[in-house]
Amino acid sequence: MTLVSRYLEANGMPTVIIANARDIVEYCGVARLVFTDFPLGSPCGEPINGDMQRAIVGQAFDLLESAAEARTTVTASFTWGAGDDRKGKIFTAEQPFREGEDHDAWIRQKALYKKLKEEGEA
């Protein structure tokens, strides 16, 4: 969505992204972002919580109307009802990202991609 947003902006259509992967979305350089500190896949709020979802979309419309400069980020004024325990389980011993040979192969592929990118071939 970030690339679509940048394309639309470049062609005169203002956009707002609602996202919960702030570092990635800001890195892509979108014009306006409403950041929600929620689990991935739930940027607009908790399931079946229509009031929260409407309020977050409302914040996006407000940002569309009021953003004074490019690359404006606003943090949504909500917290995830189930708490932040999920954050402690990302890439930990209880929930590893990759292990053993799988991890080593991933690191090799990552290094190869970086090398090809530096050489202009990726």
C-alpha atoms as a PDB file:
ATOM      1  CA  MET A   1       0.000   0.000   0.000  1.00  0.00           C
ATOM      2  CA  THR A   2       2.867   2.384   0.642  1.00  0.00           C
ATOM      3  CA  LEU A   3       3.986   2.279  -2.985  1.00  0.00           C
ATOM      4  CA  VAL A   4       0.418   2.770  -4.197  1.00  0.00           C
ATOM      5  CA  SER A   5       0.109   5.727  -1.842  1.00  0.00           C
ATOM      6  CA  ARG A   6       3.301   7.300  -3.164  1.00  0.00           C
ATOM      7  CA  TYR A   7       2.134   6.800  -6.761  1.00  0.00           C
ATOM      8  CA  LEU A   8      -1.251   8.380  -6.046  1.00  0.00           C
ATOM      9  CA  GLU A   9       0.375  11.306  -4.224  1.00  0.00           C
ATOM     10  CA  ALA A  10       2.767  11.873  -7.137  1.00  0.00           C
ATOM     11  CA  ASN A  11      -0.266  12.098  -9.410  1.00  0.00           C
ATOM     12  CA  GLY A  12      -2.170  14.599  -7.301  1.00  0.00           C
ATOM     13  CA  MET A  13      -4.355  12.378  -5.113  1.00  0.00           C
ATOM     14  CA  PRO A  14      -3.813  12.858  -1.377  1.00  0.00           C
ATOM     15  CA  THR A  15      -3.647   9.691   0.729  1.00  0.00           C
ATOM     16  CA  VAL A  16      -3.457   8.538   4.346  1.00  0.00           C
ATOM     17  CA  ILE A  17      -2.115   5.155   5.414  1.00  0.00           C
ATOM     18  CA  ILE A  18      -3.331   3.490   8.616  1.00  0.00           C
ATOM     19  CA  ALA A  19      -0.644   1.023   9.652  1.00  0.00           C
ATOM     20  CA  ASN A  20       0.969  -0.773  12.541  1.00  0.00           C
ATOM     21  CA  ALA A  21       4.437  -1.304  11.068  1.00  0.00           C
ATOM     22  CA  ARG A  22       5.587   2.270  11.592  1.00  0.00           C
ATOM     23  CA  ASP A  23       9.257   1.794  10.763  1.00  0.00           C
ATOM     24  CA  ILE A  24       8.512   0.178   7.405  1.00  0.00           C
ATOM     25  CA  VAL A  25       5.803   2.611   6.374  1.00  0.00           C
ATOM     26  CA  GLU A  26       7.801   5.704   7.349  1.00  0.00           C
ATOM     27  CA  TYR A  27      10.854   4.319   5.562  1.00  0.00           C
ATOM     28  CA  CYS A  28       8.774   4.065   2.380  1.00  0.00           C
ATOM     29  CA  GLY A  29       8.054   7.774   2.635  1.00  0.00           C
ATOM     30  CA  VAL A  30       4.278   8.015   2.680  1.00  0.00           C
ATOM     31  CA  ALA A  31       2.812  11.501   2.952  1.00  0.00           C
ATOM     32  CA  ARG A  32       0.477  10.851   5.891  1.00  0.00           C
ATOM     33  CA  LEU A  33       0.420   7.989   8.393  1.00  0.00           C
ATOM     34  CA  VAL A  34      -1.876   7.128  11.274  1.00  0.00           C
ATOM     35  CA  PHE A  35       0.188   4.710  13.370  1.00  0.00           C
ATOM     36  CA  THR A  36      -1.644   2.186  15.520  1.00  0.00           C
ATOM     37  CA  ASP A  37       0.429   0.219  18.032  1.00  0.00           C
ATOM     38  CA  PHE A  38      -1.622  -2.932  17.498  1.00  0.00           C
ATOM     39  CA  PRO A  39      -0.768  -6.485  16.390  1.00  0.00           C
ATOM     40  CA  LEU A  40       0.057  -6.868  12.711  1.00  0.00           C
ATOM     41  CA  GLY A  41      -3.057  -7.375  10.649  1.00  0.00           C
ATOM     42  CA  SER A  42      -5.237  -5.147  12.836  1.00  0.00           C
ATOM     43  CA  PRO A  43      -4.288  -1.584  11.892  1.00  0.00           C
ATOM     44  CA  CYS A  44      -7.829  -0.231  12.204  1.00  0.00           C
ATOM     45  CA  GLY A  45      -8.512  -1.611  15.664  1.00  0.00           C
ATOM     46  CA  GLU A  46      -9.774  -4.575  17.599  1.00  0.00           C
ATOM     47  CA  PRO A  47     -12.134  -7.016  15.890  1.00  0.00           C
ATOM     48  CA  ILE A  48     -15.815  -6.281  16.527  1.00  0.00           C
ATOM     49  CA  ASN A  49     -14.966  -2.923  18.116  1.00  0.00           C
ATOM     50  CA  GLY A  50     -16.756  -0.663  15.671  1.00  0.00           C
ATOM     51  CA  ASP A  51     -16.410   2.434  17.844  1.00  0.00           C
ATOM     52  CA  MET A  52     -12.618   2.091  17.914  1.00  0.00           C
ATOM     53  CA  GLN A  53     -12.440   1.371  14.192  1.00  0.00           C
ATOM     54  CA  ARG A  54     -14.626   4.360  13.292  1.00  0.00           C
ATOM     55  CA  ALA A  55     -12.555   6.632  15.530  1.00  0.00           C
ATOM     56  CA  ILE A  56      -9.277   5.502  13.925  1.00  0.00           C
ATOM     57  CA  VAL A  57     -10.654   6.031  10.423  1.00  0.00           C
ATOM     58  CA  GLY A  58     -11.899   9.423  11.666  1.00  0.00           C
ATOM     59  CA  GLN A  59      -8.352  10.265  12.786  1.00  0.00           C
ATOM     60  CA  ALA A  60      -7.171   9.383   9.282  1.00  0.00           C
ATOM     61  CA  PHE A  61      -9.705  11.760   7.717  1.00  0.00           C
ATOM     62  CA  ASP A  62      -8.694  14.469  10.192  1.00  0.00           C
ATOM     63  CA  LEU A  63      -5.037  13.975   9.245  1.00  0.00           C
ATOM     64  CA  LEU A  64      -5.897  14.158   5.554  1.00  0.00           C
ATOM     65  CA  GLU A  65      -7.521  17.510   6.192  1.00  0.00           C
ATOM     66  CA  SER A  66      -4.997  18.983   8.628  1.00  0.00           C
ATOM     67  CA  ALA A  67      -1.499  17.733   7.737  1.00  0.00           C
ATOM     68  CA  ALA A  68       0.649  20.832   7.283  1.00  0.00           C
ATOM     69  CA  GLU A  69       3.739  19.126   5.864  1.00  0.00           C
ATOM     70  CA  ALA A  70       4.831  16.020   4.013  1.00  0.00           C
ATOM     71  CA  ARG A  71       5.610  12.777   5.863  1.00  0.00           C
ATOM     72  CA  THR A  72       3.348  13.543   8.813  1.00  0.00           C
ATOM     73  CA  THR A  73       2.773  10.743  11.332  1.00  0.00           C
ATOM     74  CA  VAL A  74       0.047  10.754  13.964  1.00  0.00           C
ATOM     75  CA  THR A  75      -0.219   8.064  16.621  1.00  0.00           C
ATOM     76  CA  ALA A  76      -3.756   6.784  17.184  1.00  0.00           C
ATOM     77  CA  SER A  77      -5.108   7.515  20.634  1.00  0.00           C
ATOM     78  CA  PHE A  78      -5.994   3.893  21.468  1.00  0.00           C
ATOM     79  CA  THR A  79      -4.323   0.959  23.174  1.00  0.00           C
ATOM     80  CA  TRP A  80      -4.846  -2.716  22.403  1.00  0.00           C
ATOM     81  CA  GLY A  81      -7.304  -4.129  24.941  1.00  0.00           C
ATOM     82  CA  ALA A  82      -5.417  -7.407  25.449  1.00  0.00           C
ATOM     83  CA  GLY A  83      -2.266  -5.521  26.448  1.00  0.00           C
ATOM     84  CA  ASP A  84       1.234  -5.577  25.043  1.00  0.00           C
ATOM     85  CA  ASP A  85       2.299  -9.111  25.982  1.00  0.00           C
ATOM     86  CA  ARG A  86       2.576  -9.950  22.277  1.00  0.00           C
ATOM     87  CA  LYS A  87       5.557  -7.614  21.969  1.00  0.00           C
ATOM     88  CA  GLY A  88       7.640  -9.690  24.370  1.00  0.00           C
ATOM     89  CA  LYS A  89       7.141 -12.821  22.277  1.00  0.00           C
ATOM     90  CA  ILE A  90       8.520 -11.551  19.002  1.00  0.00           C
ATOM     91  CA  PHE A  91      11.778 -13.318  18.114  1.00  0.00           C
ATOM     92  CA  THR A  92      12.332 -14.744  21.604  1.00  0.00           C
ATOM     93  CA  ALA A  93      13.197 -18.246  22.780  1.00  0.00           C
ATOM     94  CA  GLU A  94       9.467 -18.890  23.196  1.00  0.00           C
ATOM     95  CA  GLN A  95       8.738 -17.768  19.642  1.00  0.00           C
ATOM     96  CA  PRO A  96      11.910 -17.788  17.567  1.00  0.00           C
ATOM     97  CA  PHE A  97      12.003 -16.340  14.093  1.00  0.00           C
ATOM     98  CA  ARG A  98      14.383 -18.903  12.655  1.00  0.00           C
ATOM     99  CA  GLU A  99      16.486 -21.638  14.232  1.00  0.00           C
ATOM    100  CA  GLY A 100      19.509 -23.722  13.250  1.00  0.00           C
ATOM    101  CA  GLU A 101      20.142 -24.324   9.561  1.00  0.00           C
ATOM    102  CA  ASP A 102      16.956 -22.461   8.648  1.00  0.00           C
ATOM    103  CA  HIS A 103      18.390 -19.342  10.339  1.00  0.00           C
ATOM    104  CA  ASP A 104      21.806 -19.801   8.701  1.00  0.00           C
ATOM    105  CA  ALA A 105      20.241 -20.170   5.235  1.00  0.00           C
ATOM    106  CA  TRP A 106      18.168 -17.046   5.819  1.00  0.00           C
ATOM    107  CA  ILE A 107      21.308 -15.075   6.815  1.00  0.00           C
ATOM    108  CA  ARG A 108      23.125 -16.310   3.676  1.00  0.00           C
ATOM    109  CA  GLN A 109      20.229 -15.264   1.438  1.00  0.00           C
ATOM    110  CA  LYS A 110      20.074 -11.888   3.146  1.00  0.00           C
ATOM    111  CA  ALA A 111      23.823 -11.339   2.586  1.00  0.00           C
ATOM    112  CA  LEU A 112      23.507 -12.372  -1.069  1.00  0.00           C
ATOM    113  CA  TYR A 113      20.630  -9.956  -1.627  1.00  0.00           C
ATOM    114  CA  LYS A 114      22.614  -7.124   0.017  1.00  0.00           C
ATOM    115  CA  LYS A 115      25.613  -7.869  -2.219  1.00  0.00           C
ATOM    116  CA  LEU A 116      23.482  -7.967  -5.380  1.00  0.00           C
ATOM    117  CA  LYS A 117      21.754  -4.755  -4.377  1.00  0.00           C
ATOM    118  CA  GLU A 118      25.086  -2.998  -3.871  1.00  0.00           C
ATOM    119  CA  GLU A 119      26.150  -4.180  -7.336  1.00  0.00           C
ATOM    120  CA  GLY A 120      22.898  -2.887  -8.824  1.00  0.00           C
ATOM    121  CA  GLU A 121      21.600  -6.325  -9.763  1.00  0.00           C
ATOM    122  CA  ALA A 122      18.736  -6.669  -7.275  1.00  0.00           C
END
